[in-house]
Amino acid sequence: MEKVLIVEDDEGISDFVNLELQHEGYSTAIADTGRKALEQFESFQPQLILLDIMLPELSGLEVLRRIRKTSDVPVILLTARGETFDKVNGLNAGADDYLAKPFEIEELLARMGAVLRRTQRSSASACIKNRELELNSQSMSATFAGALLTLSKTEFMMLKYFMEHIDTVLSRDSIISAVWGKDHYIDENNVDVYVGYLRSKIDQVAQETYIKTVRGSGYMMIGTDINASISNASISNATVSK
């Protein structure tokens, strides 16, 4: 049963949509202001958000921008005007689709179904697993032996880069480019600090090596065959990512 957050300050619309979605088998929650929307997003953890653009306290676009800092949850924007300006700004802010009010409930349901199907397909390819460590790039979450890891955004982005390049030696420069961006000047010592953070949350819990230091080259995420991975890293640095 997918969970849908309805963010709409018009009580008549939100009640109508809520009843229709519940009839279709969705689990729902309602927020009538931008700030309540962010609170409900954290507590309800929806699989889809229906987000009105014109909201009290915080606009729908601002709510969307804040959500996109931490989540790729699909969002369908609802706008009373249907203006190109709203549509373009919404899509640029990270919306997955938009629908102008007034709308037919059948069209809303069809658009929701299409967005959820796309999300489910991408979710299947969003997971990366290495031994007991699993990362989901769509939900921006990581688990070890099924237990959720508490990671900062920088730690998550670094772990994602390692997980996408298992058994490959990664230079500090390449890590900086992947995590902070090519145009940012970040001291290489920051890489060492964040690798230390990851190790404290993964290696120490696992009681085995996941991230290995390759002297003079950088770091490497060790794959399933630990002995072979370490041996390959020590034999050659040919796989160092520049």
Protein backbone atom coordinates (compact mmCIF):
# COMPACT_ATOMS: atom_id res chain seq x y z
CA MET A 1 0.00 0.00 0.00
CA GLU A 2 1.67 3.22 -1.17
CA LYS A 3 1.62 6.20 1.18
CA VAL A 4 0.59 9.53 -0.37
CA LEU A 5 1.00 12.93 1.26
CA ILE A 6 -1.63 15.44 0.08
CA VAL A 7 -0.44 19.02 0.51
CA GLU A 8 -3.38 21.33 -0.20
CA ASP A 9 -4.80 24.32 1.69
CA ASP A 10 -8.25 24.07 0.09
CA GLU A 11 -10.11 21.76 2.47
CA GLY A 12 -12.71 20.85 -0.13
CA ILE A 13 -10.08 19.64 -2.59
CA SER A 14 -7.94 17.84 -0.01
CA ASP A 15 -10.93 16.01 1.51
CA PHE A 16 -12.19 14.95 -1.93
CA VAL A 17 -8.77 13.71 -3.09
CA ASN A 18 -8.17 12.02 0.26
CA LEU A 19 -11.41 10.02 0.05
CA GLU A 20 -10.77 9.00 -3.57
CA LEU A 21 -7.22 7.85 -2.83
CA GLN A 22 -8.30 5.86 0.22
CA HIS A 23 -11.00 4.24 -1.93
CA GLU A 24 -8.24 3.24 -4.38
CA GLY A 25 -6.26 1.62 -1.58
CA TYR A 26 -3.70 4.33 -0.82
CA SER A 27 -2.63 5.28 2.70
CA THR A 28 -2.88 9.06 3.02
CA ALA A 29 -1.95 12.04 5.15
CA ILE A 30 -2.89 15.70 4.68
CA ALA A 31 -0.99 18.95 5.26
CA ASP A 32 -2.52 22.40 4.66
CA THR A 33 0.62 24.57 4.99
CA GLY A 34 4.16 24.41 3.70
CA ARG A 35 5.64 23.92 7.15
CA LYS A 36 3.20 21.15 8.02
CA ALA A 37 4.09 19.51 4.72
CA LEU A 38 7.75 19.28 5.73
CA GLU A 39 6.78 17.92 9.16
CA GLN A 40 4.51 15.29 7.60
CA PHE A 41 7.15 14.38 5.07
CA GLU A 42 9.55 13.50 7.90
CA SER A 43 7.04 11.62 10.06
CA PHE A 44 4.81 9.96 7.42
CA GLN A 45 7.59 9.12 4.92
CA PRO A 46 5.34 9.01 1.83
CA GLN A 47 6.10 7.21 -1.44
CA LEU A 48 4.41 10.07 -3.36
CA ILE A 49 3.55 13.71 -2.68
CA LEU A 50 0.72 15.71 -4.25
CA LEU A 51 1.91 19.28 -3.73
CA ASP A 52 -0.08 22.45 -4.28
CA ILE A 53 2.05 25.40 -5.38
CA MET A 54 0.11 28.13 -3.58
CA LEU A 55 0.43 27.39 0.15
CA PRO A 56 0.50 29.41 3.39
CA GLU A 57 3.80 29.86 5.27
CA LEU A 58 6.01 28.24 2.61
CA SER A 59 5.24 27.96 -1.09
CA GLY A 60 5.00 24.57 -2.73
CA LEU A 61 8.15 25.30 -4.72
CA GLU A 62 10.08 26.07 -1.53
CA VAL A 63 8.77 22.88 0.08
CA LEU A 64 9.90 20.95 -3.01
CA ARG A 65 13.38 22.50 -2.95
CA ARG A 66 13.85 21.56 0.71
CA ILE A 67 12.65 18.00 0.16
CA ARG A 68 14.97 17.58 -2.81
CA LYS A 69 17.97 18.29 -0.58
CA THR A 70 17.49 14.91 1.06
CA SER A 71 15.04 12.84 -0.97
CA ASP A 72 14.04 11.80 -4.49
CA VAL A 73 10.46 10.93 -3.45
CA PRO A 74 8.21 11.51 -6.49
CA VAL A 75 6.24 14.77 -6.43
CA ILE A 76 3.28 15.81 -8.58
CA LEU A 77 2.64 19.55 -8.47
CA LEU A 78 -0.92 20.89 -8.40
CA THR A 79 -1.45 24.43 -9.66
CA ALA A 80 -4.63 26.49 -9.99
CA ARG A 81 -3.28 28.55 -12.83
CA GLY A 82 -1.62 26.01 -15.07
CA GLU A 83 0.80 28.69 -16.21
CA THR A 84 3.96 27.78 -18.07
CA PHE A 85 5.96 29.71 -15.47
CA ASP A 86 4.72 27.44 -12.66
CA LYS A 87 5.27 24.29 -14.68
CA VAL A 88 8.82 25.18 -15.73
CA ASN A 89 9.84 26.31 -12.24
CA GLY A 90 8.32 23.19 -10.71
CA LEU A 91 10.08 20.82 -13.08
CA ASN A 92 13.35 22.69 -12.64
CA ALA A 93 12.97 22.38 -8.86
CA GLY A 94 12.66 18.60 -9.18
CA ALA A 95 8.95 17.83 -9.67
CA ASP A 96 8.16 14.59 -11.51
CA ASP A 97 4.89 15.80 -13.06
CA TYR A 98 2.29 18.55 -12.79
CA LEU A 99 -1.48 18.86 -13.07
CA ALA A 100 -3.54 22.05 -13.40
CA LYS A 101 -6.65 22.53 -11.26
CA PRO A 102 -9.49 21.82 -11.71
CA PHE A 103 -8.67 18.25 -12.71
CA GLU A 104 -10.51 14.99 -13.17
CA ILE A 105 -9.73 12.42 -10.48
CA GLU A 106 -9.20 9.80 -13.21
CA GLU A 107 -6.36 11.85 -14.71
CA LEU A 108 -4.78 12.37 -11.30
CA LEU A 109 -4.91 8.63 -10.59
CA ALA A 110 -3.41 7.85 -14.00
CA ARG A 111 -0.54 10.30 -13.48
CA MET A 112 0.10 8.95 -9.98
CA GLY A 113 0.22 5.41 -11.32
CA ALA A 114 2.65 6.36 -14.07
CA VAL A 115 4.99 8.19 -11.67
CA LEU A 116 4.94 5.35 -9.15
CA ARG A 117 5.70 2.77 -11.87
CA ARG A 118 8.69 4.80 -13.04
CA THR A 119 9.86 5.15 -9.45
CA GLN A 120 9.55 1.43 -8.75
CA ARG A 121 11.56 0.58 -11.87
CA SER A 122 14.31 3.02 -10.95
CA SER A 123 14.28 1.81 -7.32
CA ALA A 124 15.12 -1.69 -8.46
CA SER A 125 18.33 -0.41 -10.04
CA ALA A 126 19.06 2.09 -7.26
CA CYS A 127 20.26 -0.51 -4.75
CA ILE A 128 23.92 -1.47 -4.50
CA LYS A 129 24.99 -4.28 -2.18
CA ASN A 130 28.39 -5.35 -0.93
CA ARG A 131 28.37 -8.14 1.66
CA GLU A 132 26.18 -6.91 4.55
CA LEU A 133 26.30 -3.29 3.36
CA GLU A 134 23.44 -2.02 1.17
CA LEU A 135 22.88 1.43 -0.28
CA ASN A 136 19.77 2.88 -1.90
CA SER A 137 20.57 5.97 -3.92
CA GLN A 138 16.92 6.86 -4.42
CA SER A 139 15.98 7.02 -0.76
CA MET A 140 19.51 8.22 0.13
CA SER A 141 19.79 5.55 2.81
CA ALA A 142 22.27 2.85 3.73
CA THR A 143 21.98 -0.21 5.96
CA PHE A 144 24.38 -2.70 7.47
CA ALA A 145 22.96 -6.15 8.22
CA GLY A 146 19.52 -4.57 7.90
CA ALA A 147 20.20 -1.80 10.44
CA LEU A 148 19.93 1.77 9.20
CA LEU A 149 23.19 3.75 9.20
CA THR A 150 23.06 7.38 10.27
CA LEU A 151 25.02 9.25 7.61
CA SER A 152 25.43 12.91 6.76
CA LYS A 153 24.84 13.93 3.14
CA THR A 154 28.60 14.12 2.52
CA GLU A 155 29.16 10.70 4.09
CA PHE A 156 26.36 9.23 1.98
CA MET A 157 27.75 10.72 -1.26
CA MET A 158 31.21 9.38 -0.45
CA LEU A 159 29.87 5.92 0.38
CA LYS A 160 27.85 5.94 -2.85
CA TYR A 161 30.98 6.72 -4.87
CA PHE A 162 32.85 3.87 -3.17
CA MET A 163 29.95 1.46 -3.70
CA GLU A 164 29.76 2.35 -7.39
CA HIS A 165 33.47 1.53 -7.77
CA ILE A 166 33.95 -1.62 -5.70
CA ASP A 167 37.47 -3.09 -5.95
CA THR A 168 38.73 0.04 -7.70
CA VAL A 169 41.41 2.26 -6.17
CA LEU A 170 40.07 5.83 -6.01
CA SER A 171 42.41 8.78 -5.72
CA ARG A 172 41.64 11.58 -3.30
CA ASP A 173 41.20 13.98 -6.23
CA SER A 174 38.56 11.76 -7.83
CA ILE A 175 36.72 11.48 -4.50
CA ILE A 176 36.74 15.26 -4.11
CA SER A 177 35.31 15.72 -7.62
CA ALA A 178 32.58 13.13 -7.04
CA VAL A 179 31.54 14.30 -3.58
CA TRP A 180 32.15 18.05 -3.50
CA GLY A 181 32.33 18.86 -7.23
CA LYS A 182 35.12 19.76 -9.62
CA ASP A 183 34.83 23.50 -8.99
CA HIS A 184 35.28 23.27 -5.22
CA TYR A 185 38.68 23.53 -3.57
CA ILE A 186 38.71 20.94 -0.80
CA ASP A 187 41.85 19.99 1.06
CA GLU A 188 42.73 16.30 0.61
CA ASN A 189 42.81 15.95 4.39
CA ASN A 190 39.02 16.35 4.35
CA VAL A 191 38.80 13.11 2.38
CA ASP A 192 40.79 11.33 5.08
CA VAL A 193 38.54 12.78 7.78
CA TYR A 194 35.33 11.61 6.07
CA VAL A 195 36.78 8.20 5.30
CA GLY A 196 37.45 7.98 9.03
CA TYR A 197 33.82 8.84 9.75
CA LEU A 198 32.63 6.09 7.38
CA ARG A 199 34.97 3.56 8.90
CA SER A 200 33.70 4.38 12.39
CA LYS A 201 30.17 3.65 11.22
CA ILE A 202 30.87 0.62 9.01
CA ASP A 203 34.20 -1.14 9.59
CA GLN A 204 34.08 -0.98 13.36
CA VAL A 205 30.53 -2.34 13.39
CA ALA A 206 31.30 -5.02 10.81
CA GLN A 207 34.57 -6.02 12.49
CA GLU A 208 36.09 -6.40 9.01
CA THR A 209 37.52 -4.13 6.34
CA TYR A 210 35.24 -2.41 3.87
CA ILE A 211 37.32 0.66 3.01
CA LYS A 212 41.05 0.00 2.59
CA THR A 213 43.83 2.58 2.39
CA VAL A 214 46.04 2.02 -0.66
CA ARG A 215 49.33 3.65 0.26
CA GLY A 216 50.34 6.43 -2.12
CA SER A 217 47.16 6.09 -4.20
CA GLY A 218 43.97 6.58 -2.24
CA TYR A 219 41.22 4.30 -1.01
CA MET A 220 39.32 1.25 -2.18
CA MET A 221 35.99 -0.34 -1.28
CA ILE A 222 36.73 -4.03 -0.77
CA GLY A 223 34.33 -6.43 -2.50
CA THR A 224 33.13 -9.91 -1.58
CA ASP A 225 36.46 -11.60 -2.24
CA ILE A 226 38.43 -9.65 0.35
CA ASN A 227 41.75 -11.45 -0.11
CA ALA A 228 41.66 -11.09 -3.89
CA SER A 229 40.74 -7.41 -3.63
CA ILE A 230 43.60 -6.63 -1.27
CA SER A 231 46.03 -8.65 -3.40
CA ASN A 232 45.01 -6.84 -6.58
CA ALA A 233 45.39 -3.46 -4.91
CA SER A 234 48.89 -4.25 -3.74
CA ILE A 235 50.03 -5.70 -7.06
CA SER A 236 49.12 -2.78 -9.27
CA ASN A 237 47.69 0.72 -9.17
CA ALA A 238 46.50 0.45 -12.74
CA THR A 239 42.90 0.89 -11.68
CA VAL A 240 43.46 4.17 -9.87
CA SER A 241 40.70 6.61 -10.85
CA LYS A 242 42.10 9.98 -11.87
